[in-house]
Amino acid sequence: MSEAGTPRDHKAGNAFAHASEAEFARILDFYQVAWEYEPQVFPILWDLDGNVLESFAPDFFLPDLELLIELTTLQQRLVRQEESQGPPPARALSEPADQAVLRP
């Protein structure tokens, strides 16, 4: 971790944006998978003069697999909210899917 509490890329000294990225890098290292952190930036929105307004930088590039990876994390408050709602209603196995009646 850096002084500000941001996880560091232990290969290049770059700060990861999230602790999950640092953990993913450790997993890749454990399995000896070559990786690069945010090596490319892709423009996705331009103004009328051609200036880049918005861009996207995938978190990892795995060169041996030619694979770009973007990690996302769930907000825990949303996960708990879904769990508190309970499971989805079940339907009887004997009912065809197009005629199913949902029951509590």
Protein backbone atom coordinates (compact mmCIF):
# COMPACT_ATOMS: atom_id res chain seq x y z
CA MET A 1 0.00 0.00 0.00
CA SER A 2 1.15 3.51 -0.69
CA GLU A 3 1.26 6.25 1.91
CA ALA A 4 -2.27 7.37 0.97
CA GLY A 5 -3.64 3.85 1.34
CA THR A 6 -3.76 3.16 -2.41
CA PRO A 7 -2.54 -0.30 -3.44
CA ARG A 8 0.65 -0.16 -5.52
CA ASP A 9 1.59 -2.03 -8.68
CA HIS A 10 4.51 -3.97 -7.24
CA LYS A 11 6.06 -4.35 -10.71
CA ALA A 12 6.14 -0.71 -11.80
CA GLY A 13 5.32 1.21 -8.63
CA ASN A 14 2.10 2.61 -10.15
CA ALA A 15 -0.90 3.01 -7.89
CA PHE A 16 -3.85 0.73 -8.55
CA ALA A 17 -7.24 2.41 -8.60
CA HIS A 18 -8.76 -0.19 -6.26
CA ALA A 19 -7.57 -2.89 -3.86
CA SER A 20 -9.29 -5.51 -6.04
CA GLU A 21 -6.83 -4.67 -8.83
CA ALA A 22 -3.86 -5.24 -6.53
CA GLU A 23 -5.32 -8.58 -5.46
CA PHE A 24 -5.93 -9.58 -9.07
CA ALA A 25 -2.30 -8.74 -9.89
CA ARG A 26 -1.16 -10.97 -7.02
CA ILE A 27 -3.32 -13.81 -8.37
CA LEU A 28 -1.89 -13.38 -11.86
CA ASP A 29 1.63 -13.44 -10.40
CA PHE A 30 0.86 -16.55 -8.40
CA TYR A 31 -0.16 -18.36 -11.59
CA GLN A 32 2.79 -16.80 -13.46
CA VAL A 33 0.56 -15.01 -15.96
CA ALA A 34 2.29 -12.06 -17.63
CA TRP A 35 0.33 -8.83 -17.24
CA GLU A 36 0.51 -5.08 -17.81
CA TYR A 37 -1.47 -2.51 -15.85
CA GLU A 38 -3.52 0.02 -17.85
CA PRO A 39 -1.15 -0.10 -20.86
CA GLN A 40 -3.63 1.28 -23.40
CA VAL A 41 -6.17 4.08 -23.50
CA PHE A 42 -9.03 3.94 -25.99
CA PRO A 43 -10.83 7.19 -26.93
CA ILE A 44 -14.59 6.71 -26.89
CA LEU A 45 -15.99 10.25 -27.25
CA TRP A 46 -14.78 13.19 -29.34
CA ASP A 47 -15.98 16.76 -29.82
CA LEU A 48 -16.71 18.15 -33.29
CA ASP A 49 -13.08 19.30 -33.64
CA GLY A 50 -11.80 15.77 -33.03
CA ASN A 51 -10.55 16.39 -29.49
CA VAL A 52 -10.94 13.42 -27.17
CA LEU A 53 -13.51 14.14 -24.47
CA GLU A 54 -13.72 10.69 -22.91
CA SER A 55 -11.51 7.62 -22.93
CA PHE A 56 -11.37 4.14 -21.46
CA ALA A 57 -8.31 2.35 -20.07
CA PRO A 58 -8.87 -1.36 -19.32
CA ASP A 59 -7.23 -2.40 -16.06
CA PHE A 60 -5.07 -5.26 -17.30
CA PHE A 61 -3.59 -6.58 -20.51
CA LEU A 62 -2.47 -10.21 -20.61
CA PRO A 63 -0.02 -10.21 -23.54
CA ASP A 64 0.37 -13.99 -23.82
CA LEU A 65 -3.40 -14.31 -24.21
CA GLU A 66 -3.89 -11.00 -26.06
CA LEU A 67 -6.65 -10.25 -23.56
CA LEU A 68 -7.80 -6.96 -22.03
CA ILE A 69 -9.52 -7.16 -18.63
CA GLU A 70 -11.61 -4.56 -16.80
CA LEU A 71 -12.42 -5.29 -13.15
CA THR A 72 -15.57 -3.95 -11.53
CA THR A 73 -16.75 -4.25 -7.96
CA LEU A 74 -20.22 -4.33 -6.47
CA GLN A 75 -21.27 -1.78 -3.93
CA GLN A 76 -21.84 -3.80 -0.78
CA ARG A 77 -24.91 -1.79 0.20
CA LEU A 78 -26.57 -2.92 -3.07
CA VAL A 79 -25.56 -6.55 -2.54
CA ARG A 80 -27.09 -6.57 0.94
CA GLN A 81 -30.24 -4.93 -0.42
CA GLU A 82 -30.70 -7.71 -2.99
CA GLU A 83 -30.09 -10.40 -0.36
CA SER A 84 -32.71 -8.89 1.93
CA GLN A 85 -35.35 -9.13 -0.80
CA GLY A 86 -35.22 -12.93 -0.74
CA PRO A 87 -35.14 -15.40 -3.58
CA PRO A 88 -37.19 -14.89 -6.75
CA PRO A 89 -40.67 -16.44 -6.77
CA ALA A 90 -40.73 -20.10 -7.80
CA ARG A 91 -42.93 -21.65 -10.46
CA ALA A 92 -44.35 -25.14 -10.44
CA LEU A 93 -42.21 -27.59 -12.43
CA SER A 94 -45.32 -28.99 -14.12
CA GLU A 95 -46.22 -25.62 -15.65
CA PRO A 96 -44.79 -24.73 -19.06
CA ALA A 97 -42.58 -21.63 -18.90
CA ASP A 98 -44.87 -19.59 -21.15
CA GLN A 99 -47.89 -20.37 -18.92
CA ALA A 100 -46.16 -20.19 -15.55
CA VAL A 101 -47.90 -18.47 -12.69
CA LEU A 102 -45.56 -16.94 -10.14
CA ARG A 103 -46.29 -17.94 -6.57
CA PRO A 104 -44.77 -16.58 -3.36
